[in-house]
Protein backbone atom coordinates (compact mmCIF):
# COMPACT_ATOMS: atom_id res chain seq x y z
CA MET A 1 0.01 -0.01 -0.02
CA ALA A 2 1.06 3.56 -0.59
CA THR A 3 2.61 5.74 2.03
CA ASP A 4 0.10 8.12 3.54
CA HIS A 5 0.32 11.81 2.65
CA HIS A 6 -1.97 14.25 4.40
CA ASP A 7 -5.72 14.84 4.51
CA LEU A 8 -7.18 17.90 2.99
CA ASP A 9 -10.14 19.74 4.37
CA SER A 10 -12.40 17.73 6.72
CA CYS A 11 -15.49 17.28 4.65
CA ASP A 12 -15.84 19.10 1.40
CA THR A 13 -19.30 20.42 0.54
CA ALA A 14 -18.58 23.16 -2.01
CA VAL A 15 -18.24 22.53 -5.75
CA ASP A 16 -14.54 21.90 -6.40
CA ALA A 17 -13.15 20.47 -9.64
CA ASN A 18 -9.54 20.46 -8.44
CA PHE A 19 -9.04 16.74 -8.12
CA ASP A 20 -7.56 13.87 -10.16
CA TYR A 21 -10.29 11.32 -9.56
CA MET A 22 -13.67 11.02 -7.87
CA TYR A 23 -14.56 7.65 -6.40
CA LYS A 24 -18.05 6.71 -5.41
CA VAL A 25 -18.00 4.51 -2.25
CA LEU A 26 -20.89 2.89 -0.38
CA ILE A 27 -21.04 1.80 3.24
CA VAL A 28 -23.41 -1.21 3.55
CA GLY A 29 -24.45 -3.55 6.29
CA ASN A 30 -27.26 -4.27 8.73
CA SER A 31 -29.07 -1.49 10.51
CA GLY A 32 -27.46 -0.55 13.79
CA SER A 33 -23.96 -1.65 12.76
CA GLY A 34 -22.68 1.88 13.01
CA LYS A 35 -22.45 2.90 9.33
CA THR A 36 -23.39 6.56 9.96
CA ALA A 37 -21.11 6.88 12.92
CA PHE A 38 -18.26 5.39 10.86
CA LEU A 39 -18.86 7.94 8.10
CA VAL A 40 -19.14 10.89 10.47
CA ARG A 41 -16.01 9.91 12.33
CA TYR A 42 -14.08 9.83 9.01
CA CYS A 43 -15.49 13.07 7.56
CA ASP A 44 -16.12 15.20 10.63
CA ASP A 45 -13.91 13.50 13.28
CA CYS A 46 -16.64 13.26 15.90
CA PHE A 47 -18.95 10.70 17.39
CA SER A 48 -22.45 10.82 18.76
CA PRO A 49 -23.67 7.93 20.95
CA SER A 50 -27.30 8.38 19.93
CA PHE A 51 -28.62 6.08 17.24
CA VAL A 52 -30.75 7.45 14.49
CA ALA A 53 -31.51 5.05 11.66
CA THR A 54 -30.63 6.36 8.20
CA VAL A 55 -33.71 6.86 6.05
CA GLY A 56 -32.95 5.75 2.50
CA ILE A 57 -29.50 7.06 1.65
CA ASP A 58 -27.26 10.05 2.40
CA PHE A 59 -23.73 11.05 1.53
CA LYS A 60 -20.71 13.17 2.36
CA VAL A 61 -17.67 14.20 0.32
CA LYS A 62 -14.04 13.82 1.46
CA SER A 63 -10.75 14.70 -0.21
CA LEU A 64 -7.39 13.10 0.40
CA PHE A 65 -4.02 12.54 -1.24
CA ARG A 66 -2.95 9.00 -2.11
CA GLN A 67 0.02 8.13 -4.36
CA ASP A 68 0.47 11.75 -5.34
CA LYS A 69 -3.10 12.05 -6.56
CA ARG A 70 -5.87 14.14 -5.06
CA ILE A 71 -8.84 11.81 -4.66
CA LYS A 72 -12.31 13.04 -3.95
CA LEU A 73 -14.51 10.45 -2.30
CA GLN A 74 -18.33 10.60 -2.61
CA ILE A 75 -19.28 8.36 0.32
CA TRP A 76 -22.83 7.08 0.50
CA ASP A 77 -24.33 6.00 3.81
CA THR A 78 -27.05 3.41 3.07
CA ALA A 79 -29.97 2.35 5.21
CA GLY A 80 -29.70 -1.23 6.45
CA GLN A 81 -33.43 -1.96 6.81
CA GLU A 82 -35.00 -4.35 4.34
CA ARG A 83 -37.72 -1.85 3.35
CA TYR A 84 -35.09 0.51 1.90
CA ARG A 85 -33.18 -2.21 0.02
CA THR A 86 -34.71 -1.42 -3.43
CA ILE A 87 -33.70 2.26 -2.98
CA THR A 88 -30.20 1.62 -1.79
CA THR A 89 -29.24 -1.07 -4.28
CA ALA A 90 -30.04 1.35 -7.12
CA TYR A 91 -26.87 3.19 -6.08
CA TYR A 92 -24.63 0.13 -6.27
CA ARG A 93 -23.87 0.17 -10.00
CA GLY A 94 -21.90 3.40 -10.03
CA ALA A 95 -19.79 2.52 -7.03
CA MET A 96 -16.09 1.85 -7.24
CA GLY A 97 -15.80 0.54 -3.71
CA PHE A 98 -17.75 -0.79 -0.72
CA ILE A 99 -17.18 -0.89 3.06
CA LEU A 100 -19.11 -3.86 4.21
CA LEU A 101 -19.61 -3.23 7.92
CA PHE A 102 -20.94 -5.47 10.71
CA ASP A 103 -21.26 -5.11 14.47
CA LEU A 104 -18.81 -7.17 16.50
CA THR A 105 -21.39 -7.30 19.33
CA ASN A 106 -24.24 -8.53 17.05
CA GLU A 107 -24.07 -12.04 15.57
CA GLU A 108 -26.98 -11.39 13.20
CA SER A 109 -25.11 -8.53 11.50
CA PHE A 110 -22.12 -10.87 11.06
CA LEU A 111 -24.18 -13.66 9.61
CA ALA A 112 -25.69 -11.19 7.15
CA VAL A 113 -22.30 -10.34 5.62
CA LYS A 114 -22.45 -13.07 2.97
CA GLY A 115 -25.84 -11.82 1.86
CA TRP A 116 -24.55 -8.28 1.55
CA SER A 117 -21.45 -9.56 -0.32
CA SER A 118 -23.68 -11.40 -2.81
CA THR A 119 -25.77 -8.28 -3.43
CA ILE A 120 -22.62 -6.28 -4.10
CA LYS A 121 -21.48 -8.84 -6.65
CA ASP A 122 -24.90 -8.96 -8.33
CA MET A 123 -25.58 -5.19 -8.41
CA SER A 124 -22.23 -3.44 -8.77
CA TRP A 125 -19.39 -3.06 -11.30
CA GLU A 126 -17.59 -6.38 -11.53
CA ASN A 127 -14.28 -4.85 -10.42
CA ALA A 128 -15.65 -2.96 -7.47
CA GLN A 129 -13.38 -3.27 -4.41
CA VAL A 130 -14.72 -4.36 -0.97
CA VAL A 131 -13.30 -4.12 2.53
CA LEU A 132 -14.90 -5.96 5.45
CA VAL A 133 -15.07 -4.08 8.77
CA GLY A 134 -15.99 -5.38 12.20
CA ASN A 135 -17.14 -2.24 13.98
CA LYS A 136 -17.40 -1.42 17.75
CA SER A 137 -14.13 -3.06 18.63
CA ASP A 138 -14.00 -0.89 21.74
CA LEU A 139 -16.88 -2.92 23.28
CA THR A 140 -14.57 -5.78 24.28
CA GLU A 141 -16.88 -7.23 26.96
CA SER A 142 -19.91 -7.25 24.68
CA ARG A 143 -18.33 -8.63 21.48
CA VAL A 144 -19.63 -12.00 20.29
CA ILE A 145 -17.51 -12.28 17.11
CA THR A 146 -13.84 -13.07 17.51
CA LYS A 147 -11.05 -11.54 15.35
CA GLU A 148 -10.34 -15.02 14.00
CA GLN A 149 -13.98 -15.36 12.80
CA GLY A 150 -13.81 -12.02 11.09
CA MET A 151 -10.53 -12.85 9.36
CA GLU A 152 -11.80 -16.25 8.29
CA LEU A 153 -14.92 -14.73 6.76
CA ALA A 154 -12.92 -12.06 4.90
CA GLN A 155 -10.53 -14.66 3.57
CA SER A 156 -13.44 -16.75 2.27
CA LEU A 157 -14.75 -13.69 0.47
CA GLY A 158 -11.36 -12.75 -0.82
CA ILE A 159 -11.31 -9.34 0.78
CA GLU A 160 -9.32 -7.42 3.43
CA TYR A 161 -10.50 -7.24 7.06
CA PHE A 162 -10.31 -4.48 9.67
CA GLU A 163 -11.58 -4.26 13.19
CA ALA A 164 -12.56 -0.68 13.94
CA SER A 165 -14.26 1.63 16.36
CA ALA A 166 -16.03 4.78 15.23
CA LYS A 167 -16.27 5.83 18.89
CA GLU A 168 -12.60 5.56 19.66
CA ASP A 169 -11.47 6.38 16.12
CA ILE A 170 -9.69 3.07 15.62
CA ASN A 171 -8.87 2.00 12.02
CA VAL A 172 -11.47 4.29 10.49
CA LYS A 173 -9.06 6.34 8.42
CA GLN A 174 -7.00 3.23 7.64
CA THR A 175 -10.07 1.44 6.22
CA PHE A 176 -10.95 4.26 3.81
CA GLU A 177 -7.33 4.72 2.71
CA THR A 178 -6.95 0.97 2.06
CA LEU A 179 -10.08 0.94 -0.03
CA VAL A 180 -8.94 3.98 -2.03
CA ASP A 181 -5.61 2.25 -2.70
CA LEU A 182 -7.38 -0.91 -3.84
CA ILE A 183 -9.60 1.04 -6.21
CA SER A 184 -6.62 2.99 -7.60
CA GLU A 185 -4.70 -0.21 -8.20
CA LYS A 186 -7.61 -1.81 -9.99
CA MET A 187 -8.06 1.31 -12.11
CA ALA A 188 -4.40 1.33 -13.05
CA GLU A 189 -4.63 -2.29 -14.18
CA SER A 190 -7.70 -1.52 -16.28
CA ILE A 191 -6.20 1.58 -17.84
CA GLU A 192 -3.01 -0.35 -18.66
CA LYS A 193 -5.12 -2.83 -20.58
CA ASN A 194 -7.33 -0.17 -22.14
CA PRO A 195 -5.96 3.45 -22.19
CA ASN A 196 -9.44 4.77 -22.88
CA PHE A 197 -10.96 3.03 -19.89
CA VAL A 198 -13.02 5.27 -17.63
CA PRO A 199 -15.13 3.27 -15.16
CA ARG A 200 -18.51 4.43 -14.03
CA GLY A 201 -18.20 6.04 -10.62
CA SER A 202 -14.80 7.44 -11.30
CA ARG A 203 -14.60 10.97 -12.65
CA PRO A 204 -11.44 12.58 -13.95
CA ARG A 205 -10.58 16.15 -13.01
CA GLN A 206 -11.99 17.59 -16.24
CA ALA A 207 -15.43 16.18 -15.61
CA ASP A 208 -18.34 18.51 -14.95
CA THR A 209 -19.40 17.74 -11.44
CA LYS A 210 -22.29 18.83 -9.22
CA GLU A 211 -22.11 18.02 -5.55
CA VAL A 212 -24.99 18.04 -3.16
CA GLN A 213 -24.35 20.15 -0.07
CA THR A 214 -24.44 18.04 3.09
CA SER A 215 -24.80 19.14 6.69
CA GLY A 216 -21.88 18.95 9.11
CA CYS A 217 -21.72 16.96 12.28
CA ALA A 218 -24.04 18.08 15.10
CA CYS A 219 -21.81 16.73 17.82
């Protein structure tokens, strides 16, 4: 993986075409797994203990440098409830990467990972990159999924695994940066094979972009 450079502004909301690539990333997983908290920790560097279920889908924008490129991430926070599944899966096709997140203290969310993985394969670009995350690693006394179980599942799916905590800011940044590097590597391979290759969900700097303004953290 590439050596880290430095983050840019916390969470970009203004229109800004000064970037090399834009990657669309989705955070998916069961409701209550901490997807929104994970996103807010990464973009706004704060945490709220109150749980408010995401209705449908929402997103934030984040910029960072990786491998001497300025990458703009459009990160979509999806609702985990079954009744929103039709809405959220409509966003899969343009995504370059997925953070598949489960709750280390909730076995049901862990058992649902394979289902989420299958949906990603069925609904997204065939070369979309996925990282598995076991969230709430700070709740050591409440966890019911071991690190070995998480690693074994990730290995069976052929993806990387992180244990993280949005509350304690453990491995949140590392997860996103690893996913960005995986996407960039896959893009480089595809461009090498086809110089005219421009995957859906990745926008070069010259592209005309419109970004929806999102609210900041209310912590």
